[in-house]
C-alpha atoms as a PDB file:
ATOM      1  CA  MET A   1      -5.251  50.514   3.690  1.00  0.00           C
ATOM      2  CA  THR A   2      -6.083  46.881   2.944  1.00  0.00           C
ATOM      3  CA  THR A   3      -3.535  44.324   3.944  1.00  0.00           C
ATOM      4  CA  LEU A   4      -3.180  41.350   1.610  1.00  0.00           C
ATOM      5  CA  GLN A   5      -3.236  38.074   3.422  1.00  0.00           C
ATOM      6  CA  PRO A   6      -0.836  35.387   2.227  1.00  0.00           C
ATOM      7  CA  PRO A   7      -2.609  32.465   0.554  1.00  0.00           C
ATOM      8  CA  VAL A   8      -3.242  29.553   2.778  1.00  0.00           C
ATOM      9  CA  ALA A   9      -1.710  26.373   1.450  1.00  0.00           C
ATOM     10  CA  ALA A  10      -4.207  23.597   0.926  1.00  0.00           C
ATOM     11  CA  GLU A  11      -3.690  20.634   3.117  1.00  0.00           C
ATOM     12  CA  PRO A  12      -2.686  17.532   1.103  1.00  0.00           C
ATOM     13  CA  ARG A  13      -5.263  14.812   0.886  1.00  0.00           C
ATOM     14  CA  PRO A  14      -4.494  11.817   2.974  1.00  0.00           C
ATOM     15  CA  ALA A  15      -3.206   8.887   0.996  1.00  0.00           C
ATOM     16  CA  PRO A  16      -5.628   6.007   0.649  1.00  0.00           C
ATOM     17  CA  PRO A  17      -4.907   3.062   2.878  1.00  0.00           C
ATOM     18  CA  PRO A  18      -2.626   0.364   1.414  1.00  0.00           C
ATOM     19  CA  ALA A  19      -5.462  -2.154   1.212  1.00  0.00           C
ATOM     20  CA  ARG A  20      -7.508   0.174  -1.027  1.00  0.00           C
ATOM     21  CA  ARG A  21      -4.511   0.843  -3.327  1.00  0.00           C
ATOM     22  CA  ASP A  22      -3.884  -2.880  -3.727  1.00  0.00           C
ATOM     23  CA  ARG A  23      -7.542  -3.460  -4.511  1.00  0.00           C
ATOM     24  CA  ARG A  24      -7.493  -0.782  -7.221  1.00  0.00           C
ATOM     25  CA  SER A  25      -4.395  -2.227  -8.889  1.00  0.00           C
ATOM     26  CA  TRP A  26      -5.898  -5.715  -8.960  1.00  0.00           C
ATOM     27  CA  THR A  27      -9.147  -4.354 -10.407  1.00  0.00           C
ATOM     28  CA  GLY A  28      -7.306  -3.260 -13.571  1.00  0.00           C
ATOM     29  CA  TRP A  29      -5.704  -6.654 -13.953  1.00  0.00           C
ATOM     30  CA  GLY A  30      -9.124  -8.230 -13.551  1.00  0.00           C
ATOM     31  CA  PHE A  31     -10.309  -6.428 -16.683  1.00  0.00           C
ATOM     32  CA  ILE A  32      -7.296  -7.182 -18.890  1.00  0.00           C
ATOM     33  CA  GLY A  33      -6.449 -10.555 -17.351  1.00  0.00           C
ATOM     34  CA  PRO A  34      -8.682 -12.675 -19.646  1.00  0.00           C
ATOM     35  CA  PHE A  35      -7.251 -10.988 -22.743  1.00  0.00           C
ATOM     36  CA  VAL A  36      -3.666 -11.412 -21.529  1.00  0.00           C
ATOM     37  CA  ALA A  37      -4.303 -15.093 -20.793  1.00  0.00           C
ATOM     38  CA  VAL A  38      -5.842 -15.787 -24.212  1.00  0.00           C
ATOM     39  CA  PHE A  39      -3.152 -13.714 -25.977  1.00  0.00           C
ATOM     40  CA  ALA A  40      -0.383 -15.621 -24.229  1.00  0.00           C
ATOM     41  CA  LEU A  41      -2.042 -18.977 -24.947  1.00  0.00           C
ATOM     42  CA  VAL A  42      -2.850 -18.568 -28.639  1.00  0.00           C
ATOM     43  CA  PHE A  43      -0.110 -16.142 -29.741  1.00  0.00           C
ATOM     44  CA  LEU A  44       2.951 -16.066 -27.497  1.00  0.00           C
ATOM     45  CA  ALA A  45       3.026 -19.746 -26.541  1.00  0.00           C
ATOM     46  CA  PRO A  46       3.050 -21.060 -30.165  1.00  0.00           C
ATOM     47  CA  ILE A  47       5.864 -18.648 -31.065  1.00  0.00           C
ATOM     48  CA  VAL A  48       7.953 -19.710 -28.090  1.00  0.00           C
ATOM     49  CA  TYR A  49       7.305 -23.384 -28.831  1.00  0.00           C
ATOM     50  CA  SER A  50       8.215 -22.917 -32.508  1.00  0.00           C
ATOM     51  CA  ILE A  51      11.494 -21.268 -31.537  1.00  0.00           C
ATOM     52  CA  TYR A  52      12.164 -24.166 -29.164  1.00  0.00           C
ATOM     53  CA  LEU A  53      11.459 -26.731 -31.904  1.00  0.00           C
ATOM     54  CA  SER A  54      13.707 -24.909 -34.384  1.00  0.00           C
ATOM     55  CA  LEU A  55      16.725 -25.460 -32.134  1.00  0.00           C
ATOM     56  CA  PHE A  56      16.428 -29.265 -32.261  1.00  0.00           C
ATOM     57  CA  ARG A  57      16.544 -31.964 -34.924  1.00  0.00           C
ATOM     58  CA  ASP A  58      15.200 -35.507 -35.067  1.00  0.00           C
ATOM     59  CA  GLN A  59      17.978 -37.927 -36.056  1.00  0.00           C
ATOM     60  CA  LEU A  60      17.955 -41.650 -36.725  1.00  0.00           C
ATOM     61  CA  ILE A  61      20.767 -42.110 -34.260  1.00  0.00           C
ATOM     62  CA  GLY A  62      20.411 -40.274 -31.006  1.00  0.00           C
ATOM     63  CA  GLY A  63      16.793 -39.146 -31.413  1.00  0.00           C
ATOM     64  CA  THR A  64      16.006 -35.492 -30.821  1.00  0.00           C
ATOM     65  CA  THR A  65      19.265 -33.547 -30.552  1.00  0.00           C
ATOM     66  CA  PHE A  66      19.998 -29.921 -29.811  1.00  0.00           C
ATOM     67  CA  VAL A  67      21.599 -28.381 -32.913  1.00  0.00           C
ATOM     68  CA  GLY A  68      21.439 -24.658 -32.138  1.00  0.00           C
ATOM     69  CA  PHE A  69      21.159 -22.577 -35.308  1.00  0.00           C
ATOM     70  CA  ASP A  70      22.004 -25.392 -37.728  1.00  0.00           C
ATOM     71  CA  ASN A  71      18.397 -25.534 -38.938  1.00  0.00           C
ATOM     72  CA  TYR A  72      18.481 -21.811 -39.719  1.00  0.00           C
ATOM     73  CA  GLU A  73      21.721 -22.242 -41.651  1.00  0.00           C
ATOM     74  CA  GLN A  74      20.139 -25.080 -43.608  1.00  0.00           C
ATOM     75  CA  ALA A  75      17.038 -23.004 -44.385  1.00  0.00           C
ATOM     76  CA  LEU A  76      19.099 -20.071 -45.636  1.00  0.00           C
ATOM     77  CA  GLN A  77      20.844 -22.452 -48.044  1.00  0.00           C
ATOM     78  CA  ASP A  78      17.622 -24.198 -49.126  1.00  0.00           C
ATOM     79  CA  ASP A  79      16.914 -23.498 -52.810  1.00  0.00           C
ATOM     80  CA  ARG A  80      13.307 -24.663 -52.464  1.00  0.00           C
ATOM     81  CA  PHE A  81      12.672 -22.122 -49.722  1.00  0.00           C
ATOM     82  CA  TRP A  82      14.178 -19.246 -51.704  1.00  0.00           C
ATOM     83  CA  ALA A  83      12.246 -20.236 -54.825  1.00  0.00           C
ATOM     84  CA  ALA A  84       8.994 -20.210 -52.829  1.00  0.00           C
ATOM     85  CA  LEU A  85       9.886 -16.870 -51.260  1.00  0.00           C
ATOM     86  CA  GLY A  86      10.690 -15.372 -54.663  1.00  0.00           C
ATOM     87  CA  ARG A  87       7.358 -16.618 -55.989  1.00  0.00           C
ATOM     88  CA  VAL A  88       5.322 -14.902 -53.272  1.00  0.00           C
ATOM     89  CA  ALA A  89       7.483 -11.777 -53.610  1.00  0.00           C
ATOM     90  CA  LEU A  90       6.593 -11.624 -57.319  1.00  0.00           C
ATOM     91  CA  PHE A  91       2.964 -12.234 -56.396  1.00  0.00           C
ATOM     92  CA  LEU A  92       3.114  -9.394 -53.869  1.00  0.00           C
ATOM     93  CA  CYS A  93       4.729  -6.887 -56.230  1.00  0.00           C
ATOM     94  CA  ILE A  94       2.140  -7.440 -58.978  1.00  0.00           C
ATOM     95  CA  GLN A  95      -1.103  -8.503 -57.318  1.00  0.00           C
ATOM     96  CA  VAL A  96      -1.159  -6.159 -54.308  1.00  0.00           C
ATOM     97  CA  PRO A  97      -0.854  -2.879 -56.306  1.00  0.00           C
ATOM     98  CA  ILE A  98      -3.524  -4.049 -58.768  1.00  0.00           C
ATOM     99  CA  MET A  99      -5.895  -5.083 -55.972  1.00  0.00           C
ATOM    100  CA  LEU A 100      -5.407  -1.910 -53.938  1.00  0.00           C
ATOM    101  CA  GLY A 101      -5.657   0.253 -57.063  1.00  0.00           C
ATOM    102  CA  ILE A 102      -9.018  -1.274 -58.017  1.00  0.00           C
ATOM    103  CA  ALA A 103     -10.271  -0.967 -54.433  1.00  0.00           C
ATOM    104  CA  LEU A 104      -9.215   2.691 -54.295  1.00  0.00           C
ATOM    105  CA  LEU A 105     -10.900   3.532 -57.599  1.00  0.00           C
ATOM    106  CA  VAL A 106     -14.125   1.881 -56.466  1.00  0.00           C
ATOM    107  CA  ALA A 107     -14.018   3.675 -53.114  1.00  0.00           C
ATOM    108  CA  LEU A 108     -13.473   7.048 -54.835  1.00  0.00           C
ATOM    109  CA  ALA A 109     -16.342   6.343 -57.230  1.00  0.00           C
ATOM    110  CA  LEU A 110     -18.685   5.483 -54.354  1.00  0.00           C
ATOM    111  CA  ASP A 111     -17.620   8.578 -52.428  1.00  0.00           C
ATOM    112  CA  SER A 112     -18.004  10.913 -55.397  1.00  0.00           C
ATOM    113  CA  GLY A 113     -21.800  10.994 -55.093  1.00  0.00           C
ATOM    114  CA  ARG A 114     -22.187  10.646 -58.867  1.00  0.00           C
ATOM    115  CA  LEU A 115     -22.740   6.895 -58.907  1.00  0.00           C
ATOM    116  CA  TYR A 116     -26.340   5.722 -59.107  1.00  0.00           C
ATOM    117  CA  GLY A 117     -27.249   2.702 -56.988  1.00  0.00           C
ATOM    118  CA  LYS A 118     -24.335   3.315 -54.639  1.00  0.00           C
ATOM    119  CA  SER A 119     -25.630   0.978 -51.930  1.00  0.00           C
ATOM    120  CA  PHE A 120     -26.154  -1.834 -54.449  1.00  0.00           C
ATOM    121  CA  PHE A 121     -22.641  -1.494 -55.866  1.00  0.00           C
ATOM    122  CA  ARG A 122     -21.090  -1.291 -52.401  1.00  0.00           C
ATOM    123  CA  ILE A 123     -22.733  -4.513 -51.268  1.00  0.00           C
ATOM    124  CA  THR A 124     -22.042  -6.256 -54.585  1.00  0.00           C
ATOM    125  CA  ILE A 125     -18.340  -5.453 -54.503  1.00  0.00           C
ATOM    126  CA  PHE A 126     -17.999  -6.407 -50.839  1.00  0.00           C
ATOM    127  CA  LEU A 127     -19.962  -9.667 -51.209  1.00  0.00           C
ATOM    128  CA  PRO A 128     -17.045 -11.829 -52.503  1.00  0.00           C
ATOM    129  CA  TYR A 129     -15.215 -11.208 -49.225  1.00  0.00           C
ATOM    130  CA  ALA A 130     -18.072 -12.975 -47.429  1.00  0.00           C
ATOM    131  CA  VAL A 131     -17.440 -16.113 -49.499  1.00  0.00           C
ATOM    132  CA  PRO A 132     -15.046 -18.495 -47.684  1.00  0.00           C
ATOM    133  CA  ALA A 133     -11.662 -18.800 -49.358  1.00  0.00           C
ATOM    134  CA  VAL A 134     -12.105 -22.549 -49.836  1.00  0.00           C
ATOM    135  CA  VAL A 135     -15.432 -22.098 -51.621  1.00  0.00           C
ATOM    136  CA  ALA A 136     -14.088 -19.250 -53.758  1.00  0.00           C
ATOM    137  CA  THR A 137     -11.040 -21.274 -54.813  1.00  0.00           C
ATOM    138  CA  LEU A 138     -13.138 -24.334 -55.689  1.00  0.00           C
ATOM    139  CA  MET A 139     -15.493 -22.152 -57.722  1.00  0.00           C
ATOM    140  CA  TRP A 140     -12.682 -20.496 -59.668  1.00  0.00           C
ATOM    141  CA  GLY A 141     -10.889 -23.815 -60.053  1.00  0.00           C
ATOM    142  CA  PHE A 142     -13.980 -25.194 -61.773  1.00  0.00           C
ATOM    143  CA  MET A 143     -14.158 -22.170 -64.097  1.00  0.00           C
ATOM    144  CA  TYR A 144     -10.460 -22.534 -64.933  1.00  0.00           C
ATOM    145  CA  GLY A 145     -10.924 -26.142 -66.068  1.00  0.00           C
ATOM    146  CA  THR A 146     -10.142 -26.805 -69.734  1.00  0.00           C
ATOM    147  CA  LYS A 147     -12.013 -30.128 -69.847  1.00  0.00           C
ATOM    148  CA  TYR A 148     -15.135 -29.701 -67.746  1.00  0.00           C
ATOM    149  CA  GLY A 149     -14.931 -26.061 -66.697  1.00  0.00           C
ATOM    150  CA  LEU A 150     -15.909 -22.699 -68.133  1.00  0.00           C
ATOM    151  CA  VAL A 151     -12.708 -22.307 -70.166  1.00  0.00           C
ATOM    152  CA  GLY A 152     -13.293 -25.705 -71.753  1.00  0.00           C
ATOM    153  CA  ASP A 153     -16.910 -24.800 -72.521  1.00  0.00           C
ATOM    154  CA  PHE A 154     -15.805 -21.621 -74.294  1.00  0.00           C
ATOM    155  CA  ASN A 155     -13.249 -23.581 -76.311  1.00  0.00           C
ATOM    156  CA  SER A 156     -15.887 -26.106 -77.361  1.00  0.00           C
ATOM    157  CA  ALA A 157     -18.668 -23.616 -78.059  1.00  0.00           C
ATOM    158  CA  PHE A 158     -16.701 -21.056 -80.053  1.00  0.00           C
ATOM    159  CA  GLY A 159     -13.850 -23.151 -81.387  1.00  0.00           C
ATOM    160  CA  TRP A 160     -11.344 -21.138 -79.409  1.00  0.00           C
ATOM    161  CA  SER A 161      -8.037 -22.331 -78.020  1.00  0.00           C
ATOM    162  CA  LEU A 162      -7.786 -20.408 -74.759  1.00  0.00           C
ATOM    163  CA  PRO A 163      -4.634 -21.094 -72.738  1.00  0.00           C
ATOM    164  CA  ASP A 164      -4.916 -23.245 -69.636  1.00  0.00           C
ATOM    165  CA  PRO A 165      -5.162 -20.912 -66.611  1.00  0.00           C
ATOM    166  CA  LEU A 166      -3.682 -23.690 -64.461  1.00  0.00           C
ATOM    167  CA  SER A 167      -0.593 -24.217 -66.595  1.00  0.00           C
ATOM    168  CA  PRO A 168       2.812 -23.594 -64.970  1.00  0.00           C
ATOM    169  CA  ASP A 169       3.142 -20.235 -66.750  1.00  0.00           C
ATOM    170  CA  LEU A 170      -0.298 -18.897 -65.767  1.00  0.00           C
ATOM    171  CA  VAL A 171      -1.162 -20.513 -62.453  1.00  0.00           C
ATOM    172  CA  LEU A 172       0.359 -17.722 -60.343  1.00  0.00           C
ATOM    173  CA  ALA A 173      -1.680 -15.132 -62.256  1.00  0.00           C
ATOM    174  CA  SER A 174      -4.776 -17.304 -61.808  1.00  0.00           C
ATOM    175  CA  ILE A 175      -4.209 -17.422 -58.069  1.00  0.00           C
ATOM    176  CA  GLY A 176      -3.733 -13.649 -58.073  1.00  0.00           C
ATOM    177  CA  ASN A 177      -7.070 -13.260 -59.839  1.00  0.00           C
ATOM    178  CA  ILE A 178      -8.793 -15.308 -57.123  1.00  0.00           C
ATOM    179  CA  VAL A 179      -7.198 -13.327 -54.296  1.00  0.00           C
ATOM    180  CA  THR A 180      -8.036 -10.038 -55.997  1.00  0.00           C
ATOM    181  CA  TRP A 181     -11.669 -11.090 -56.439  1.00  0.00           C
ATOM    182  CA  GLU A 182     -11.846 -12.043 -52.779  1.00  0.00           C
ATOM    183  CA  PHE A 183     -10.256  -8.972 -51.186  1.00  0.00           C
ATOM    184  CA  VAL A 184     -11.078  -5.972 -53.390  1.00  0.00           C
ATOM    185  CA  GLY A 185     -14.291  -5.450 -51.433  1.00  0.00           C
ATOM    186  CA  TYR A 186     -12.518  -5.693 -48.083  1.00  0.00           C
ATOM    187  CA  ASN A 187      -9.956  -3.047 -49.010  1.00  0.00           C
ATOM    188  CA  MET A 188     -12.619  -0.916 -50.683  1.00  0.00           C
ATOM    189  CA  LEU A 189     -14.498  -0.799 -47.384  1.00  0.00           C
ATOM    190  CA  ILE A 190     -11.353   0.372 -45.551  1.00  0.00           C
ATOM    191  CA  PHE A 191     -10.796   3.188 -48.063  1.00  0.00           C
ATOM    192  CA  TYR A 192     -14.458   4.154 -48.247  1.00  0.00           C
ATOM    193  CA  SER A 193     -14.743   4.364 -44.458  1.00  0.00           C
ATOM    194  CA  ALA A 194     -11.701   6.652 -44.350  1.00  0.00           C
ATOM    195  CA  LEU A 195     -13.141   8.856 -47.097  1.00  0.00           C
ATOM    196  CA  ARG A 196     -16.430   9.290 -45.252  1.00  0.00           C
ATOM    197  CA  VAL A 197     -14.786  10.928 -42.226  1.00  0.00           C
ATOM    198  CA  ILE A 198     -13.032  13.695 -44.183  1.00  0.00           C
ATOM    199  CA  PRO A 199     -14.461  17.058 -43.010  1.00  0.00           C
ATOM    200  CA  HIS A 200     -16.836  18.629 -45.542  1.00  0.00           C
ATOM    201  CA  SER A 201     -15.283  22.015 -44.811  1.00  0.00           C
ATOM    202  CA  LEU A 202     -12.257  20.942 -46.867  1.00  0.00           C
ATOM    203  CA  TYR A 203     -14.481  20.261 -49.879  1.00  0.00           C
ATOM    204  CA  GLU A 204     -16.221  23.608 -49.437  1.00  0.00           C
ATOM    205  CA  ALA A 205     -12.885  25.433 -49.312  1.00  0.00           C
ATOM    206  CA  ALA A 206     -11.732  23.608 -52.454  1.00  0.00           C
ATOM    207  CA  GLU A 207     -14.955  24.528 -54.235  1.00  0.00           C
ATOM    208  CA  ILE A 208     -14.480  28.181 -53.336  1.00  0.00           C
ATOM    209  CA  ASP A 209     -10.934  28.025 -54.729  1.00  0.00           C
ATOM    210  CA  GLY A 210     -12.286  26.547 -57.957  1.00  0.00           C
ATOM    211  CA  ALA A 211     -10.557  23.168 -57.596  1.00  0.00           C
ATOM    212  CA  GLY A 212     -11.731  20.418 -59.948  1.00  0.00           C
ATOM    213  CA  GLN A 213     -12.534  16.842 -59.031  1.00  0.00           C
ATOM    214  CA  TRP A 214      -9.046  15.570 -59.886  1.00  0.00           C
ATOM    215  CA  ARG A 215      -7.484  18.273 -57.724  1.00  0.00           C
ATOM    216  CA  VAL A 216      -9.810  17.389 -54.845  1.00  0.00           C
ATOM    217  CA  VAL A 217      -8.788  13.738 -55.107  1.00  0.00           C
ATOM    218  CA  THR A 218      -5.041  14.377 -55.231  1.00  0.00           C
ATOM    219  CA  ALA A 219      -4.869  17.266 -52.744  1.00  0.00           C
ATOM    220  CA  ILE A 220      -7.547  16.320 -50.208  1.00  0.00           C
ATOM    221  CA  LYS A 221      -8.784  12.744 -50.408  1.00  0.00           C
ATOM    222  CA  LEU A 222      -5.575  10.796 -50.977  1.00  0.00           C
ATOM    223  CA  PRO A 223      -3.529  12.623 -48.282  1.00  0.00           C
ATOM    224  CA  ALA A 224      -6.432  12.265 -45.835  1.00  0.00           C
ATOM    225  CA  ILE A 225      -6.628   8.478 -46.241  1.00  0.00           C
ATOM    226  CA  ARG A 226      -2.890   7.800 -46.262  1.00  0.00           C
ATOM    227  CA  GLY A 227      -3.177   5.964 -42.957  1.00  0.00           C
ATOM    228  CA  ALA A 228      -5.847   3.678 -44.410  1.00  0.00           C
ATOM    229  CA  LEU A 229      -3.677   3.059 -47.480  1.00  0.00           C
ATOM    230  CA  VAL A 230      -0.749   2.053 -45.288  1.00  0.00           C
ATOM    231  CA  ILE A 231      -2.897  -0.271 -43.175  1.00  0.00           C
ATOM    232  CA  ALA A 232      -4.394  -1.962 -46.235  1.00  0.00           C
ATOM    233  CA  THR A 233      -0.930  -2.352 -47.773  1.00  0.00           C
ATOM    234  CA  ILE A 234       0.446  -3.949 -44.603  1.00  0.00           C
ATOM    235  CA  PHE A 235      -2.496  -6.353 -44.390  1.00  0.00           C
ATOM    236  CA  SER A 236      -2.030  -7.277 -48.045  1.00  0.00           C
ATOM    237  CA  ILE A 237       1.697  -7.874 -47.584  1.00  0.00           C
ATOM    238  CA  ILE A 238       1.063 -10.162 -44.632  1.00  0.00           C
ATOM    239  CA  GLY A 239      -1.615 -12.005 -46.599  1.00  0.00           C
ATOM    240  CA  SER A 240       0.704 -12.467 -49.574  1.00  0.00           C
ATOM    241  CA  PHE A 241       3.464 -13.999 -47.474  1.00  0.00           C
ATOM    242  CA  GLN A 242       0.849 -16.289 -45.881  1.00  0.00           C
ATOM    243  CA  LEU A 243      -0.486 -17.519 -49.222  1.00  0.00           C
ATOM    244  CA  PHE A 244      -1.621 -21.101 -48.662  1.00  0.00           C
ATOM    245  CA  ASN A 245      -5.324 -21.869 -49.209  1.00  0.00           C
ATOM    246  CA  GLU A 246      -5.477 -21.168 -52.922  1.00  0.00           C
ATOM    247  CA  PRO A 247      -2.380 -23.208 -53.964  1.00  0.00           C
ATOM    248  CA  ASN A 248      -3.333 -26.044 -51.627  1.00  0.00           C
ATOM    249  CA  ILE A 249      -6.873 -26.331 -52.988  1.00  0.00           C
ATOM    250  CA  LEU A 250      -5.875 -25.898 -56.635  1.00  0.00           C
ATOM    251  CA  ARG A 251      -3.049 -28.445 -56.467  1.00  0.00           C
ATOM    252  CA  PRO A 252      -5.226 -31.493 -57.353  1.00  0.00           C
ATOM    253  CA  LEU A 253      -6.219 -29.618 -60.523  1.00  0.00           C
ATOM    254  CA  ALA A 254      -2.682 -28.508 -61.382  1.00  0.00           C
ATOM    255  CA  ARG A 255      -0.174 -30.984 -59.961  1.00  0.00           C
ATOM    256  CA  ASN A 256       2.373 -30.192 -62.657  1.00  0.00           C
ATOM    257  CA  ALA A 257       2.218 -26.477 -61.879  1.00  0.00           C
ATOM    258  CA  ILE A 258       1.748 -26.336 -58.094  1.00  0.00           C
ATOM    259  CA  THR A 259       4.303 -28.298 -56.113  1.00  0.00           C
ATOM    260  CA  THR A 260       4.455 -28.870 -52.375  1.00  0.00           C
ATOM    261  CA  ASP A 261       6.964 -26.029 -52.056  1.00  0.00           C
ATOM    262  CA  TYR A 262       5.032 -23.547 -54.178  1.00  0.00           C
ATOM    263  CA  THR A 263       4.808 -20.982 -51.354  1.00  0.00           C
ATOM    264  CA  PRO A 264       6.696 -20.781 -48.035  1.00  0.00           C
ATOM    265  CA  ASN A 265       3.549 -21.618 -46.049  1.00  0.00           C
ATOM    266  CA  PHE A 266       2.793 -24.568 -48.322  1.00  0.00           C
ATOM    267  CA  TYR A 267       6.397 -25.697 -47.948  1.00  0.00           C
ATOM    268  CA  THR A 268       6.145 -25.455 -44.163  1.00  0.00           C
ATOM    269  CA  TYR A 269       2.908 -27.439 -44.189  1.00  0.00           C
ATOM    270  CA  SER A 270       4.398 -30.151 -46.405  1.00  0.00           C
ATOM    271  CA  LEU A 271       7.522 -30.440 -44.268  1.00  0.00           C
ATOM    272  CA  SER A 272       5.502 -30.838 -41.101  1.00  0.00           C
ATOM    273  CA  PHE A 273       2.608 -33.070 -42.160  1.00  0.00           C
ATOM    274  CA  SER A 274       4.022 -34.983 -45.117  1.00  0.00           C
ATOM    275  CA  GLY A 275       7.731 -35.086 -44.376  1.00  0.00           C
ATOM    276  CA  GLN A 276       7.443 -35.257 -40.570  1.00  0.00           C
ATOM    277  CA  GLN A 277      10.208 -32.644 -40.293  1.00  0.00           C
ATOM    278  CA  HIS A 278       8.598 -30.630 -37.526  1.00  0.00           C
ATOM    279  CA  ASN A 279      11.808 -28.957 -36.393  1.00  0.00           C
ATOM    280  CA  TYR A 280      12.838 -27.770 -39.822  1.00  0.00           C
ATOM    281  CA  SER A 281       9.250 -26.711 -40.543  1.00  0.00           C
ATOM    282  CA  ALA A 282       9.261 -24.536 -37.422  1.00  0.00           C
ATOM    283  CA  THR A 283      12.544 -22.997 -38.574  1.00  0.00           C
ATOM    284  CA  VAL A 284      11.113 -22.001 -41.953  1.00  0.00           C
ATOM    285  CA  ALA A 285       8.030 -20.578 -40.229  1.00  0.00           C
ATOM    286  CA  ILE A 286      10.157 -18.453 -37.868  1.00  0.00           C
ATOM    287  CA  ILE A 287      12.234 -17.093 -40.758  1.00  0.00           C
ATOM    288  CA  MET A 288       9.093 -16.219 -42.727  1.00  0.00           C
ATOM    289  CA  GLY A 289       7.630 -14.500 -39.689  1.00  0.00           C
ATOM    290  CA  LEU A 290      10.745 -12.364 -39.326  1.00  0.00           C
ATOM    291  CA  ILE A 291      10.806 -11.476 -43.031  1.00  0.00           C
ATOM    292  CA  THR A 292       7.132 -10.524 -42.951  1.00  0.00           C
ATOM    293  CA  MET A 293       7.610  -8.422 -39.838  1.00  0.00           C
ATOM    294  CA  VAL A 294      10.576  -6.541 -41.290  1.00  0.00           C
ATOM    295  CA  VAL A 295       8.881  -5.830 -44.634  1.00  0.00           C
ATOM    296  CA  ALA A 296       5.650  -4.711 -42.959  1.00  0.00           C
ATOM    297  CA  TYR A 297       7.567  -2.439 -40.592  1.00  0.00           C
ATOM    298  CA  LEU A 298       9.518  -0.839 -43.439  1.00  0.00           C
ATOM    299  CA  VAL A 299       6.305  -0.194 -45.356  1.00  0.00           C
ATOM    300  CA  GLN A 300       4.711   1.349 -42.283  1.00  0.00           C
ATOM    301  CA  LEU A 301       7.802   3.477 -41.622  1.00  0.00           C
ATOM    302  CA  ARG A 302       7.868   4.736 -45.205  1.00  0.00           C
ATOM    303  CA  GLY A 303       4.128   5.245 -45.521  1.00  0.00           C
ATOM    304  CA  MET A 304       3.609   7.203 -42.290  1.00  0.00           C
ATOM    305  CA  ARG A 305       6.670   9.402 -42.677  1.00  0.00           C
ATOM    306  CA  LYS A 306       5.806  13.077 -42.970  1.00  0.00           C
ATOM    307  CA  GLY A 307       6.185  14.451 -46.427  1.00  0.00           C
ATOM    308  CA  ALA A 308       6.068  10.981 -47.988  1.00  0.00           C
END
């Protein structure tokens, strides 16, 4: 009769000496240290300094004085700030869905395999994103001109009376057209990259079930790229709240339509560099950062929720 021997417990490995453990921990910090230093210098430090500035105010009598949250109270009662915020909110609600919708349609067309010259169209649509925003705005500003621009040439050549794209009623739509032209290709590339990683087995199963192209798009492609849709939406929201280059560059062409408080970022810039109100400018910037963060987080929370 065979007697079973009890298993012999393995002896625990000796712990490494303290010097070796310390060296390993410092090795990790050596890899991430440069990033942490740059991140703290160019991201955290400006935020902390802006918060510090927002708690003070320059006064004729007494110089720089600590005022606590008085600047925030003033900003929340500032009609110019709320008008600028409402303007970019309107811009966001109209321009972002149009831009993302066009980008999604283009990405689906490129992914369908039925488009001839796919590589040419992909590069052509993405190319405007490679044009610097300043150059793009100057180019469109010239085309919008009613005296020496393309709109004026059409009016003279055909006897038309096209409305001024830089008039107070149309300038926001004109800016939206520029931003859409610039960023459709960027968002298209995000969607197209997400579409390319969908497993082909899903398409094969849909083909066996007799699903049409529309059913494949709605039941397979769109759910599979929901993460990319959310990311592109968040980026577009942040970009809309940061709208600055286009109004700033177009202002010499449309001074009656674009004021120094046309957008919150433009208002912050004007307060700081033209009005020398650095403390109040930092306050407006902090409030806009918080609003942008909250809106982006809510969009992410809603977009990534299961069953959404």
